Amino acid sequence: MNEENRKELWSIIQETGDRLKGKLPVKKSHPKGRNPYAHILLMIKLKFKQSYKDIPDDKKEILIKFIKYIEDNPK
């Protein structure tokens, strides 16, 4: 992914993480609360099998929709 798209996606991830603070379900393995930014990055890696930085530019819109899905369906 090119630098411009990476920066845009990182901004979207940060904004989404901000909105997810305190909305992720409680888990025993995270007694101090869950990190929404790490959650988004992990979900991206699980879905796409690579870091958001390594996803091709032509999949940017799919990735943005997936981040929105994560926000709408916190788990």
Protein backbone atom coordinates (compact mmCIF):
# COMPACT_ATOMS: atom_id res chain seq x y z
CA MET A 1 0.00 0.00 0.00
CA ASN A 2 1.33 3.44 -0.83
CA GLU A 3 2.21 5.96 1.88
CA GLU A 4 -0.82 8.21 1.29
CA ASN A 5 -3.29 5.32 1.64
CA ARG A 6 -1.46 4.00 4.71
CA LYS A 7 -1.76 7.36 6.43
CA GLU A 8 -5.44 7.64 5.54
CA LEU A 9 -6.17 4.14 6.82
CA TRP A 10 -4.21 4.70 10.04
CA SER A 11 -6.30 7.82 10.64
CA ILE A 12 -9.51 5.81 10.09
CA ILE A 13 -8.24 3.10 12.45
CA GLN A 14 -7.45 5.69 15.13
CA GLU A 15 -10.84 7.41 14.80
CA THR A 16 -12.65 4.09 14.92
CA GLY A 17 -10.59 2.98 17.92
CA ASP A 18 -11.52 6.21 19.70
CA ARG A 19 -15.21 5.50 19.12
CA LEU A 20 -14.83 1.88 20.28
CA LYS A 21 -13.28 2.80 23.65
CA GLY A 22 -15.34 1.14 26.36
CA LYS A 23 -17.63 -0.62 23.85
CA LEU A 24 -15.77 -3.91 23.43
CA PRO A 25 -17.16 -6.74 25.58
CA VAL A 26 -15.26 -7.51 28.79
CA LYS A 27 -12.92 -10.52 28.70
CA LYS A 28 -11.19 -12.18 31.63
CA SER A 29 -7.88 -12.11 29.78
CA HIS A 30 -8.06 -8.28 29.69
CA PRO A 31 -8.77 -7.25 33.30
CA LYS A 32 -7.82 -3.61 32.66
CA GLY A 33 -10.01 -3.36 29.56
CA ARG A 34 -9.48 -4.09 25.92
CA ASN A 35 -7.39 -1.99 23.54
CA PRO A 36 -9.70 -1.03 20.66
CA TYR A 37 -6.82 -0.10 18.34
CA ALA A 38 -5.12 -3.46 18.81
CA HIS A 39 -8.50 -5.15 18.33
CA ILE A 40 -9.02 -3.47 14.95
CA LEU A 41 -5.50 -4.33 13.79
CA LEU A 42 -5.88 -7.94 14.92
CA MET A 43 -9.23 -8.31 13.14
CA ILE A 44 -7.69 -6.92 9.93
CA LYS A 45 -4.79 -9.34 10.21
CA LEU A 46 -7.14 -12.29 10.81
CA LYS A 47 -9.40 -11.39 7.88
CA PHE A 48 -6.79 -10.38 5.31
CA LYS A 49 -3.86 -12.53 6.56
CA GLN A 50 -1.59 -9.47 6.55
CA SER A 51 -1.08 -6.07 8.14
CA TYR A 52 -3.16 -3.18 6.84
CA LYS A 53 0.10 -1.71 5.50
CA ASP A 54 0.65 -4.74 3.28
CA ILE A 55 -2.81 -4.90 1.73
CA PRO A 56 -2.82 -3.81 -1.94
CA ASP A 57 -4.09 -0.32 -2.76
CA ASP A 58 -6.94 -1.72 -4.84
CA LYS A 59 -8.45 -3.28 -1.69
CA LYS A 60 -8.52 0.01 0.24
CA GLU A 61 -12.30 0.48 -0.01
CA ILE A 62 -12.92 -3.11 1.10
CA LEU A 63 -10.66 -2.50 4.10
CA ILE A 64 -12.50 0.73 5.00
CA LYS A 65 -15.83 -1.13 4.87
CA PHE A 66 -14.39 -3.88 7.07
CA ILE A 67 -13.23 -1.33 9.65
CA LYS A 68 -16.76 0.12 9.66
CA TYR A 69 -18.12 -3.41 10.14
CA ILE A 70 -15.83 -3.87 13.16
CA GLU A 71 -17.16 -0.64 14.65
CA ASP A 72 -20.78 -1.64 14.05
CA ASN A 73 -20.24 -5.16 15.46
CA PRO A 74 -17.84 -4.93 18.42
CA LYS A 75 -16.88 -8.36 19.78
